[in-house]
N, C-alpha and C. Protein backbone atom coordinates (compact mmCIF):
# COMPACT_ATOMS: atom_id res chain seq x y z
N MET A 1 97.52 111.68 112.69
CA MET A 1 97.35 110.82 111.61
C MET A 1 98.60 109.58 111.86
N SER A 2 98.83 108.38 111.97
CA SER A 2 99.49 107.34 111.92
C SER A 2 100.21 107.91 110.22
N ASP A 3 101.87 107.03 110.41
CA ASP A 3 102.59 107.09 109.43
C ASP A 3 101.88 106.79 108.50
N GLN A 4 101.48 105.68 108.53
CA GLN A 4 100.70 104.46 107.33
C GLN A 4 99.79 104.67 107.41
N ALA A 5 98.86 105.66 107.93
CA ALA A 5 97.37 105.88 107.35
C ALA A 5 97.67 106.99 106.51
N THR A 6 98.91 108.17 107.09
CA THR A 6 99.25 109.23 106.26
C THR A 6 99.69 108.66 104.18
N LYS A 7 100.45 107.61 104.60
CA LYS A 7 101.27 107.29 103.51
C LYS A 7 99.49 106.74 102.31
N ALA A 8 98.60 106.23 102.74
CA ALA A 8 97.48 105.43 102.34
C ALA A 8 96.82 106.36 101.78
N HIS A 9 96.19 108.01 102.73
CA HIS A 9 96.23 108.99 102.03
C HIS A 9 96.90 109.50 101.05
N ILE A 10 97.98 109.68 100.79
CA ILE A 10 98.48 110.47 99.82
C ILE A 10 98.64 109.60 98.65
N LEU A 11 98.72 108.24 98.95
CA LEU A 11 98.41 107.19 97.74
C LEU A 11 97.03 107.79 96.98
N GLU A 12 96.00 107.45 97.77
CA GLU A 12 94.93 108.00 97.01
C GLU A 12 94.30 109.07 96.39
N ALA A 13 95.21 109.95 97.46
CA ALA A 13 94.90 111.43 96.34
C ALA A 13 95.67 111.54 95.03
N THR A 14 97.00 110.69 95.20
CA THR A 14 97.89 110.57 93.84
C THR A 14 97.27 110.08 92.74
N ILE A 15 96.41 108.64 93.04
CA ILE A 15 95.44 108.56 92.28
C ILE A 15 94.28 109.19 91.69
N ALA A 16 93.86 110.18 92.53
CA ALA A 16 92.42 111.24 92.23
C ALA A 16 93.27 112.01 91.42
N ALA A 17 94.68 112.81 91.32
CA ALA A 17 95.37 113.93 91.06
C ALA A 17 95.77 113.03 89.37
N ILE A 18 96.07 111.90 89.33
CA ILE A 18 96.30 111.63 88.21
C ILE A 18 94.97 111.41 87.20
N GLU A 19 93.98 111.06 87.33
CA GLU A 19 92.59 111.30 87.14
C GLU A 19 92.29 112.33 86.66
N SER A 20 92.65 113.30 87.76
CA SER A 20 92.31 114.91 87.32
C SER A 20 92.73 115.57 86.49
N HIS A 21 94.41 114.81 86.47
CA HIS A 21 95.32 115.79 85.31
C HIS A 21 95.91 114.94 84.55
N GLY A 22 95.56 113.88 84.67
CA GLY A 22 96.78 113.24 83.58
C GLY A 22 97.88 112.87 83.50
N LEU A 23 98.77 111.81 83.44
CA LEU A 23 99.98 111.68 83.73
C LEU A 23 101.02 113.02 83.57
N PRO A 24 101.08 113.53 82.22
CA PRO A 24 102.15 114.26 81.42
C PRO A 24 102.46 115.50 82.58
N GLY A 25 100.93 116.05 83.18
CA GLY A 25 100.64 117.23 83.37
C GLY A 25 100.80 116.82 84.97
N LEU A 26 100.98 116.12 85.78
CA LEU A 26 101.02 116.09 86.84
C LEU A 26 102.80 116.14 87.56
N THR A 27 102.44 116.99 88.93
CA THR A 27 103.62 117.74 89.56
C THR A 27 103.09 117.45 90.70
N THR A 28 104.51 117.22 91.56
CA THR A 28 104.10 117.22 93.08
C THR A 28 103.36 118.19 93.58
N ARG A 29 103.21 119.38 93.33
CA ARG A 29 101.87 120.33 93.57
C ARG A 29 100.98 119.94 93.93
N LEU A 30 100.36 119.55 92.42
CA LEU A 30 99.01 119.17 92.29
C LEU A 30 99.19 117.90 93.06
N ILE A 31 99.41 116.99 93.54
CA ILE A 31 99.50 115.71 94.27
C ILE A 31 98.81 116.41 95.70
N ALA A 32 100.27 117.13 95.94
CA ALA A 32 100.09 117.91 97.38
C ALA A 32 98.81 118.59 97.80
N GLY A 33 98.26 119.54 96.90
CA GLY A 33 96.90 120.15 96.74
C GLY A 33 96.07 119.41 97.34
N GLN A 34 95.88 117.86 96.36
CA GLN A 34 94.99 116.94 96.36
C GLN A 34 95.14 116.39 97.37
N ALA A 35 96.15 116.04 98.11
CA ALA A 35 96.10 115.48 99.41
C ALA A 35 96.17 116.12 100.98
N LYS A 36 96.34 117.79 100.22
CA LYS A 36 95.89 118.65 101.35
C LYS A 36 97.22 118.49 102.52
N VAL A 37 98.47 118.31 101.88
CA VAL A 37 99.41 117.94 102.62
C VAL A 37 100.85 119.15 101.90
N ASN A 38 101.62 118.94 102.91
CA ASN A 38 102.47 120.24 101.80
C ASN A 38 103.90 119.32 100.96
N ASN A 39 104.72 119.76 100.04
CA ASN A 39 105.59 118.62 99.27
C ASN A 39 106.74 117.81 100.24
N ALA A 40 107.07 118.52 101.29
CA ALA A 40 108.05 117.89 102.10
C ALA A 40 107.32 116.54 102.69
N ALA A 41 105.99 116.73 102.68
CA ALA A 41 105.48 115.02 103.31
C ALA A 41 105.47 113.84 102.53
N LEU A 42 105.35 114.48 101.04
CA LEU A 42 105.19 113.78 100.01
C LEU A 42 107.15 113.35 99.99
N HIS A 43 108.01 113.82 99.85
CA HIS A 43 109.02 113.48 99.64
C HIS A 43 110.09 112.37 101.36
N TYR A 44 109.01 113.34 102.11
CA TYR A 44 109.12 112.29 103.27
C TYR A 44 108.64 110.88 103.38
N HIS A 45 107.51 110.52 102.78
CA HIS A 45 107.00 109.20 102.62
C HIS A 45 107.12 108.89 101.09
N PHE A 46 107.92 109.03 100.31
CA PHE A 46 107.73 108.37 99.04
C PHE A 46 109.40 108.85 98.36
N GLY A 47 109.98 109.84 98.77
CA GLY A 47 111.52 109.99 98.45
C GLY A 47 110.93 110.30 97.09
N THR A 48 110.83 110.17 96.12
CA THR A 48 110.37 110.74 94.55
C THR A 48 109.10 110.94 94.27
N LYS A 49 109.09 112.09 93.19
CA LYS A 49 107.41 111.87 92.60
C LYS A 49 107.03 110.41 91.84
N GLU A 50 107.94 110.27 91.13
CA GLU A 50 108.27 108.91 90.27
C GLU A 50 108.04 108.04 91.13
N ALA A 51 108.69 107.58 92.49
CA ALA A 51 108.31 106.59 93.43
C ALA A 51 107.05 106.49 93.78
N LEU A 52 106.30 107.86 93.93
CA LEU A 52 105.36 107.91 94.79
C LEU A 52 103.97 107.42 93.24
N ILE A 53 104.17 107.97 92.32
CA ILE A 53 103.68 107.60 91.37
C ILE A 53 103.51 106.12 91.10
N GLU A 54 104.59 105.60 91.23
CA GLU A 54 104.71 103.66 90.48
C GLU A 54 103.84 103.09 91.83
N ALA A 55 104.08 103.86 93.45
CA ALA A 55 103.15 103.36 94.10
C ALA A 55 101.69 103.36 94.11
N ALA A 56 101.36 104.54 93.48
CA ALA A 56 99.91 104.70 93.40
C ALA A 56 99.12 103.80 92.57
N LEU A 57 100.22 103.67 91.54
CA LEU A 57 99.67 103.00 90.34
C LEU A 57 99.55 101.69 90.62
N GLY A 58 100.64 101.15 91.10
CA GLY A 58 100.75 99.57 92.11
C GLY A 58 99.15 99.47 92.94
N LEU A 59 99.15 100.20 93.92
CA LEU A 59 97.76 100.08 94.75
C LEU A 59 96.69 99.57 93.54
N THR A 60 96.48 100.53 92.76
CA THR A 60 95.02 100.24 91.57
C THR A 60 95.16 99.08 91.02
N LEU A 61 96.53 98.47 90.83
CA LEU A 61 96.91 97.13 90.38
C LEU A 61 96.20 96.08 91.33
N GLU A 62 96.63 96.47 92.43
CA GLU A 62 96.29 95.34 93.36
C GLU A 62 94.97 95.60 93.85
N HIS A 63 94.04 96.44 93.70
CA HIS A 63 92.77 96.60 93.46
C HIS A 63 91.91 95.73 92.76
N MET A 64 92.68 95.77 91.51
CA MET A 64 91.75 95.29 90.40
C MET A 64 91.98 94.05 89.95
N MET A 65 93.12 93.66 91.23
CA MET A 65 93.38 91.81 90.98
C MET A 65 92.55 91.12 92.00
N ALA A 66 92.41 92.02 93.35
CA ALA A 66 91.29 91.69 94.41
C ALA A 66 90.28 91.69 94.08
N ASP A 67 89.56 92.53 93.13
CA ASP A 67 88.23 92.38 92.44
C ASP A 67 87.91 91.13 91.42
N THR A 68 89.27 91.33 90.38
CA THR A 68 89.35 90.03 89.69
C THR A 68 89.03 88.64 90.60
N GLU A 69 89.85 88.65 91.91
CA GLU A 69 89.56 87.38 92.44
C GLU A 69 88.23 87.24 92.90
N GLU A 70 87.61 88.34 93.49
CA GLU A 70 86.31 88.07 94.49
C GLU A 70 85.28 87.67 93.30
N ILE A 71 85.30 88.40 92.15
CA ILE A 71 84.68 88.35 90.75
C ILE A 71 84.35 86.10 90.60
N LEU A 72 86.13 86.24 90.14
CA LEU A 72 85.47 84.41 89.78
C LEU A 72 85.59 83.88 90.89
N SER A 73 85.59 84.42 92.23
CA SER A 73 85.29 83.24 93.64
C SER A 73 83.73 83.30 93.45
N ARG A 74 83.03 83.90 92.98
CA ARG A 74 81.38 83.68 93.09
C ARG A 74 81.04 82.50 92.38
N PRO A 75 79.57 81.83 93.31
CA PRO A 75 79.44 80.48 93.24
C PRO A 75 78.15 80.76 92.15
N ILE A 76 78.69 80.87 90.96
CA ILE A 76 77.83 81.18 89.29
C ILE A 76 78.83 80.68 88.28
N PRO A 77 78.43 79.88 87.38
CA PRO A 77 78.85 79.41 85.86
C PRO A 77 79.60 80.28 85.67
N ILE A 78 80.59 79.73 84.86
CA ILE A 78 82.57 80.58 84.61
C ILE A 78 81.65 81.88 83.22
N GLN A 79 80.55 81.23 82.55
CA GLN A 79 80.07 82.14 81.84
C GLN A 79 79.70 83.67 82.54
N GLU A 80 79.32 83.59 83.15
CA GLU A 80 78.21 84.53 84.09
C GLU A 80 79.72 85.36 85.21
N ARG A 81 80.39 84.84 85.37
CA ARG A 81 81.42 85.30 86.17
C ARG A 81 82.59 85.78 85.22
N LEU A 82 82.66 85.31 83.69
CA LEU A 82 83.65 86.26 82.75
C LEU A 82 82.86 87.37 82.56
N ARG A 83 81.69 87.24 82.24
CA ARG A 83 80.85 88.47 82.08
C ARG A 83 80.78 89.32 83.01
N SER A 84 80.91 89.64 84.15
CA SER A 84 80.80 90.28 85.21
C SER A 84 82.23 90.80 85.44
N LEU A 85 83.08 90.17 84.72
CA LEU A 85 84.41 90.37 85.26
C LEU A 85 84.82 91.55 83.66
N LEU A 86 83.77 91.32 82.49
CA LEU A 86 83.90 92.37 81.44
C LEU A 86 83.30 93.54 81.70
N VAL A 87 82.55 93.21 82.17
CA VAL A 87 81.56 94.49 82.53
C VAL A 87 82.73 95.22 83.65
N TYR A 88 82.99 94.65 84.70
CA TYR A 88 83.65 95.59 85.21
C TYR A 88 85.11 95.85 84.98
N LEU A 89 86.09 95.72 84.36
CA LEU A 89 86.76 96.30 83.06
C LEU A 89 85.95 97.54 82.42
N ILE A 90 85.01 97.24 81.99
CA ILE A 90 85.01 98.67 81.12
C ILE A 90 84.60 99.64 81.86
N GLU A 91 83.63 99.58 83.03
CA GLU A 91 83.07 100.38 83.87
C GLU A 91 83.96 100.94 84.59
N GLY A 92 85.71 100.04 84.84
CA GLY A 92 86.62 100.76 85.57
C GLY A 92 87.35 101.66 84.78
N THR A 93 87.50 101.55 83.19
CA THR A 93 88.06 102.05 82.40
C THR A 93 87.20 103.64 82.32
N TYR A 94 85.97 103.16 82.14
CA TYR A 94 85.16 105.11 82.17
C TYR A 94 85.76 105.78 83.42
N SER A 95 85.36 104.89 84.25
CA SER A 95 85.49 105.78 85.39
C SER A 95 87.25 106.41 85.72
N PHE A 96 87.63 105.88 85.34
CA PHE A 96 89.46 106.19 85.60
C PHE A 96 90.39 105.93 84.39
N PRO A 97 89.87 106.82 83.37
CA PRO A 97 90.60 107.08 81.88
C PRO A 97 91.88 107.51 82.09
N ASN A 98 92.07 108.21 82.90
CA ASN A 98 93.35 108.58 82.96
C ASN A 98 94.16 107.80 83.74
N VAL A 99 93.81 107.34 84.12
CA VAL A 99 94.78 106.30 85.25
C VAL A 99 94.86 105.11 84.52
N ILE A 100 93.87 104.35 83.29
CA ILE A 100 94.60 103.73 82.43
C ILE A 100 95.10 104.20 81.73
N ARG A 101 95.19 105.25 81.09
CA ARG A 101 95.99 105.89 80.13
C ARG A 101 98.02 105.90 81.12
N ALA A 102 97.60 106.09 82.28
CA ALA A 102 99.16 106.31 83.00
C ALA A 102 99.35 105.08 82.99
N HIS A 103 98.31 103.98 83.19
CA HIS A 103 99.13 102.36 83.11
C HIS A 103 100.18 102.25 82.00
N LEU A 104 99.24 102.87 80.92
CA LEU A 104 99.82 102.14 78.99
C LEU A 104 101.12 103.04 78.84
N TRP A 105 101.65 104.10 79.54
CA TRP A 105 102.71 105.30 79.41
C TRP A 105 103.46 104.38 78.94
N ALA A 106 103.82 103.39 80.10
CA ALA A 106 105.34 102.91 80.21
C ALA A 106 105.48 101.88 79.14
N PRO A 107 104.35 100.89 78.60
CA PRO A 107 104.91 100.04 77.77
C PRO A 107 104.81 100.64 76.20
N LEU A 108 103.56 101.69 76.18
CA LEU A 108 103.65 102.35 74.45
C LEU A 108 104.44 103.29 74.27
N MET A 109 105.02 104.16 75.35
CA MET A 109 105.41 105.59 75.10
C MET A 109 106.84 104.98 75.24
N GLU A 110 107.24 104.17 76.23
CA GLU A 110 108.90 104.10 76.71
C GLU A 110 109.55 102.65 76.08
N GLY A 111 108.32 101.73 75.86
CA GLY A 111 108.86 100.82 75.16
C GLY A 111 109.23 99.53 75.94
N ASN A 112 108.41 99.39 77.45
CA ASN A 112 109.23 98.73 78.48
C ASN A 112 107.92 97.81 78.54
N ALA A 113 108.31 96.42 78.42
CA ALA A 113 107.43 95.23 78.28
C ALA A 113 107.68 94.73 80.02
N ASP A 114 108.35 95.34 80.58
CA ASP A 114 108.34 94.46 82.36
C ASP A 114 107.68 95.63 82.68
N SER A 115 106.69 96.45 82.31
CA SER A 115 106.23 97.28 83.42
C SER A 115 105.09 96.56 83.98
N PRO A 116 104.68 97.62 85.36
CA PRO A 116 103.65 96.72 86.15
C PRO A 116 102.28 96.10 85.45
N PHE A 117 101.99 96.94 84.63
CA PHE A 117 100.42 96.96 83.81
C PHE A 117 100.89 95.01 83.45
N GLU A 118 102.54 95.43 82.51
CA GLU A 118 102.10 94.31 81.77
C GLU A 118 102.60 92.64 82.63
N LEU A 119 103.09 92.98 83.82
CA LEU A 119 102.77 91.98 84.99
C LEU A 119 101.67 91.89 85.37
N MET A 120 100.86 92.52 85.51
CA MET A 120 99.24 92.76 85.82
C MET A 120 98.94 91.48 84.90
N GLN A 121 98.99 92.32 83.56
CA GLN A 121 98.20 91.52 82.53
C GLN A 121 98.57 89.91 82.72
N ASP A 122 100.03 89.45 82.72
CA ASP A 122 100.34 88.49 82.91
C ASP A 122 99.45 87.73 84.12
N ALA A 123 99.65 88.45 85.13
CA ALA A 123 98.80 87.91 86.42
C ALA A 123 97.25 87.33 86.10
N TRP A 124 96.81 88.76 85.85
CA TRP A 124 95.61 88.31 85.24
C TRP A 124 94.89 87.16 84.42
N THR A 125 96.08 87.28 83.42
CA THR A 125 95.33 86.22 82.62
C THR A 125 95.64 84.55 83.02
N GLU A 126 96.57 84.77 84.52
CA GLU A 126 97.17 83.68 84.84
C GLU A 126 96.17 83.07 85.39
N ARG A 127 95.25 84.16 85.95
CA ARG A 127 93.81 83.49 87.24
C ARG A 127 93.05 83.59 86.32
N ILE A 128 92.34 83.92 85.56
CA ILE A 128 91.33 83.16 84.81
C ILE A 128 91.54 82.14 84.04
N TRP A 129 92.45 81.82 83.78
CA TRP A 129 92.99 80.70 82.68
C TRP A 129 93.25 79.33 83.87
N ARG A 130 93.11 79.86 85.18
CA ARG A 130 93.25 78.70 86.29
C ARG A 130 92.00 78.00 86.40
N GLU A 131 91.42 79.38 86.50
CA GLU A 131 89.47 79.19 86.67
C GLU A 131 88.97 78.66 85.71
N ILE A 132 89.16 78.65 84.45
CA ILE A 132 88.56 78.09 83.35
C ILE A 132 89.22 76.56 83.06
N ARG A 133 90.02 76.43 83.34
CA ARG A 133 90.45 74.87 83.18
C ARG A 133 90.10 74.15 84.80
N ARG A 134 89.75 74.74 85.70
CA ARG A 134 89.22 73.82 86.80
C ARG A 134 87.70 73.99 86.27
N GLU A 135 87.17 74.14 85.55
CA GLU A 135 85.65 74.30 85.27
C GLU A 135 85.39 73.17 84.25
N ARG A 136 86.25 73.38 83.32
CA ARG A 136 85.85 72.96 82.04
C ARG A 136 87.24 71.96 81.23
N PRO A 137 86.98 71.53 80.55
CA PRO A 137 88.24 70.80 79.90
C PRO A 137 88.58 71.28 78.66
N VAL A 138 89.72 71.99 78.63
CA VAL A 138 90.52 72.54 78.11
C VAL A 138 91.47 72.07 76.45
N SER A 139 91.39 72.22 75.59
CA SER A 139 92.28 71.72 74.64
C SER A 139 93.45 72.30 73.99
N SER A 140 93.44 73.72 74.19
CA SER A 140 94.70 74.75 74.10
C SER A 140 95.27 75.55 75.30
N GLU A 141 95.84 75.56 76.14
CA GLU A 141 96.34 76.79 76.72
C GLU A 141 96.35 78.25 76.22
N SER A 142 97.25 78.21 74.91
CA SER A 142 98.25 78.88 74.31
C SER A 142 96.81 80.02 73.93
N ALA A 143 95.55 79.07 73.45
CA ALA A 143 94.60 79.73 72.76
C ALA A 143 93.71 80.40 73.78
N VAL A 144 93.59 80.03 75.06
CA VAL A 144 93.07 81.01 75.91
C VAL A 144 93.64 81.95 76.36
N ARG A 145 95.02 81.68 76.51
CA ARG A 145 96.16 82.81 76.97
C ARG A 145 95.36 84.15 76.05
N LEU A 146 95.94 83.96 74.60
CA LEU A 146 95.81 84.82 73.27
C LEU A 146 94.16 85.28 73.15
N ALA A 147 93.17 85.05 73.60
CA ALA A 147 92.14 85.19 73.62
C ALA A 147 91.56 85.65 74.91
N LEU A 148 92.42 85.86 75.80
CA LEU A 148 92.02 86.45 77.17
C LEU A 148 92.50 87.71 77.30
N GLN A 149 94.18 87.88 76.50
CA GLN A 149 94.55 88.92 76.15
C GLN A 149 94.35 89.80 75.10
N THR A 150 93.60 89.22 73.75
CA THR A 150 93.12 89.67 73.36
C THR A 150 91.89 90.58 73.72
N THR A 151 90.76 90.23 74.08
CA THR A 151 89.98 90.60 75.42
C THR A 151 90.51 91.36 75.80
N LEU A 152 91.39 91.57 76.42
CA LEU A 152 92.00 92.93 77.59
C LEU A 152 91.88 93.92 76.66
N GLY A 153 93.06 93.58 75.67
CA GLY A 153 93.45 94.73 75.05
C GLY A 153 92.38 95.61 74.15
N GLY A 154 91.60 94.61 73.93
CA GLY A 154 90.03 95.24 72.74
C GLY A 154 89.20 96.18 73.21
N ILE A 155 89.20 95.53 74.73
CA ILE A 155 88.30 96.53 75.98
C ILE A 155 88.93 97.86 76.37
N VAL A 156 89.97 97.91 76.50
CA VAL A 156 91.16 98.63 77.25
C VAL A 156 90.89 100.25 75.95
N LEU A 157 90.95 99.78 74.46
CA LEU A 157 91.26 100.68 73.31
C LEU A 157 89.93 101.32 73.13
N LEU A 158 88.72 100.38 72.73
CA LEU A 158 87.58 100.86 72.78
C LEU A 158 86.93 101.38 74.05
N ALA A 159 87.16 101.12 75.11
CA ALA A 159 86.45 102.23 76.10
C ALA A 159 87.12 103.26 76.31
N LEU A 160 88.67 103.88 75.53
CA LEU A 160 89.23 104.69 75.87
C LEU A 160 89.00 105.66 74.71
N LEU A 161 88.35 105.05 73.92
CA LEU A 161 88.12 105.73 72.66
C LEU A 161 86.89 106.52 73.10
N PRO A 162 86.44 107.89 72.38
CA PRO A 162 85.36 108.68 72.45
C PRO A 162 84.11 107.90 71.62
N PRO A 163 82.79 108.11 72.30
CA PRO A 163 81.78 107.56 71.99
C PRO A 163 81.78 108.27 70.26
N SER A 164 81.25 107.15 69.14
CA SER A 164 81.21 107.46 68.18
C SER A 164 80.03 107.58 67.75
N ASN A 165 79.95 108.50 66.57
CA ASN A 165 78.43 108.76 66.29
C ASN A 165 77.74 107.24 65.56
N ALA A 166 76.44 107.37 65.09
CA ALA A 166 75.94 105.78 64.82
C ALA A 166 76.13 106.07 63.45
N THR A 167 76.90 106.70 62.74
CA THR A 167 76.72 106.30 61.31
C THR A 167 78.60 105.90 61.05
N SER A 168 79.35 106.03 62.14
CA SER A 168 80.85 105.78 61.93
C SER A 168 81.00 104.21 61.66
N GLY A 169 79.93 103.10 61.96
CA GLY A 169 80.70 102.20 62.10
C GLY A 169 81.07 101.25 62.96
N ARG A 170 82.02 102.45 63.87
CA ARG A 170 82.58 101.79 64.45
C ARG A 170 81.87 101.09 66.06
N ILE A 171 82.32 99.98 66.58
CA ILE A 171 81.99 99.66 67.77
C ILE A 171 82.04 100.24 69.07
N SER A 172 81.02 101.12 69.63
CA SER A 172 80.96 101.40 71.10
C SER A 172 80.43 100.85 72.15
N LEU A 173 81.07 101.16 73.46
CA LEU A 173 80.61 100.51 74.72
C LEU A 173 80.26 101.13 75.31
N HIS A 174 79.64 102.69 74.47
CA HIS A 174 78.80 103.60 75.49
C HIS A 174 77.51 102.98 75.77
N GLY A 175 76.99 102.72 74.68
CA GLY A 175 75.52 102.28 74.53
C GLY A 175 75.13 100.79 75.25
N LYS A 176 74.38 100.98 75.86
CA LYS A 176 74.13 99.26 76.74
C LYS A 176 73.94 98.31 76.25
N ARG A 177 72.76 98.53 74.72
CA ARG A 177 72.69 97.28 74.06
C ARG A 177 74.11 96.84 73.41
N ALA A 178 74.82 97.73 72.64
CA ALA A 178 75.93 97.31 72.21
C ALA A 178 77.10 96.78 72.95
N ARG A 179 77.10 97.60 74.31
CA ARG A 179 78.46 96.71 74.69
C ARG A 179 77.39 95.47 75.46
N ASP A 180 76.70 94.66 75.65
CA ASP A 180 76.47 93.52 76.09
C ASP A 180 76.53 93.01 74.89
N ARG A 181 75.93 93.30 74.01
CA ARG A 181 76.35 92.13 72.32
C ARG A 181 77.92 91.85 72.51
N TYR A 182 78.69 93.07 72.41
CA TYR A 182 80.09 92.96 72.59
C TYR A 182 80.59 91.81 73.98
N ILE A 183 79.99 92.31 75.12
CA ILE A 183 80.60 91.02 75.80
C ILE A 183 80.35 89.72 75.57
N ASP A 184 79.26 89.37 74.92
CA ASP A 184 78.70 88.18 75.08
C ASP A 184 79.24 87.68 73.64
N GLN A 185 79.90 88.47 72.95
CA GLN A 185 80.39 87.77 71.91
C GLN A 185 81.62 87.72 72.43
N LEU A 186 82.36 88.22 73.61
CA LEU A 186 83.94 87.71 73.99
C LEU A 186 83.72 86.52 74.93
N VAL A 187 82.74 86.51 75.58
CA VAL A 187 82.66 85.76 76.49
C VAL A 187 82.34 84.73 75.65
N GLY A 188 81.84 84.18 74.81
CA GLY A 188 81.68 83.14 73.57
C GLY A 188 83.15 83.07 73.26
N PHE A 189 83.97 83.98 72.07
CA PHE A 189 85.18 83.70 71.90
C PHE A 189 86.20 83.20 73.41
N VAL A 190 86.11 83.51 74.38
CA VAL A 190 87.12 82.82 75.33
C VAL A 190 86.86 81.56 75.62
N LEU A 191 85.48 81.10 75.88
CA LEU A 191 85.39 79.95 75.64
C LEU A 191 85.29 78.93 74.85
N ALA A 192 84.96 79.36 73.71
CA ALA A 192 85.26 78.95 72.35
C ALA A 192 86.48 78.15 72.11
N SER A 193 87.91 79.22 72.39
CA SER A 193 88.90 78.81 73.04
C SER A 193 89.39 77.92 73.55
N ALA A 194 88.53 77.93 74.47
CA ALA A 194 89.18 76.67 75.46
C ALA A 194 88.40 75.38 75.20
N GLU A 195 87.84 75.17 74.55
CA GLU A 195 87.51 73.82 73.64
C GLU A 195 87.57 73.81 72.40
N GLY A 196 88.64 74.76 71.71
CA GLY A 196 89.33 74.72 70.76
C GLY A 196 88.57 74.83 69.26
N ARG A 197 87.37 75.63 69.58
CA ARG A 197 86.63 75.85 68.53
C ARG A 197 86.82 77.43 68.62
N GLY A 198 87.83 77.83 67.84
CA GLY A 198 88.20 79.16 67.38
C GLY A 198 87.56 79.69 66.14
N TRP A 199 87.73 81.23 66.08
CA TRP A 199 87.05 81.39 64.55
C TRP A 199 87.67 81.03 63.86
N VAL A 200 86.88 80.65 62.86
CA VAL A 200 87.22 79.50 61.48
C VAL A 200 87.53 80.74 60.21
N SER A 201 88.49 80.83 59.96
CA SER A 201 88.85 81.67 58.71
C SER A 201 88.76 80.86 57.41
N ARG A 202 87.81 81.61 56.47
CA ARG A 202 87.19 80.93 55.36
C ARG A 202 87.54 81.51 54.29
N LYS A 203 88.43 81.22 53.06
CA LYS A 203 88.43 81.57 52.17
C LYS A 203 87.87 82.01 51.32
N PRO A 204 87.84 83.38 50.68
CA PRO A 204 87.03 83.44 49.61
C PRO A 204 86.51 82.56 48.62
N ARG A 205 85.52 82.57 48.28
CA ARG A 205 84.99 82.03 46.96
C ARG A 205 86.04 82.43 45.69
N ARG A 206 85.96 81.63 44.80
CA ARG A 206 86.90 82.07 43.43
C ARG A 206 85.89 82.24 42.89
N LYS A 207 85.74 83.49 41.70
CA LYS A 207 84.57 83.31 40.68
C LYS A 207 84.84 82.80 39.51
N ARG A 208 84.24 82.21 39.20
CA ARG A 208 83.92 81.56 37.91
C ARG A 208 84.28 81.91 36.76
N GLY A 209 85.63 81.00 36.38
CA GLY A 209 86.62 81.41 35.21
C GLY A 209 87.65 82.19 35.64
N ALA A 210 88.00 82.45 36.65
CA ALA A 210 89.14 83.41 37.52
C ALA A 210 90.53 82.03 37.10
């Protein structure tokens, strides 16, 4: 196996190890066992555990952006592309919850606003914003970007939470019907923001005599 193929194999094994064991409990021994190589191979190709994890998580972000590009390039209406993209995000979070938690570690636990995940979020928002602007007249760029970032954050949070029971009243994305309804609302929210038709805040009516 060439050096390049070995590095690619180790990166894929590292992603699998993060998902299996979580970031806080991850060791080079676990990664080496997953890759079926020795620790020396890890250090030879990546130097430190931190560099290896950074490279592995960076690879998952590259995959996400490539998949986003493929979805947005489909010859279907923009609302259908947005819907497919949100389904992809939910299913990805369900499939790799510990990888998502690993991405959130730096911004949430270390307060790093320039983490790779934050930079990816900016790039993800920019790409979708460009597509919406190309397809439709847009009245407010800032409103669209805010709607997209709110949508991404909401999906990640809800998808990481454990399933709720029927009486909790909390939105759950684990049921297909509720998930489809939620996605339709998010798509409507983003496109309404593009057209300047954001949510209207209504003041409560005052009681008579108040």
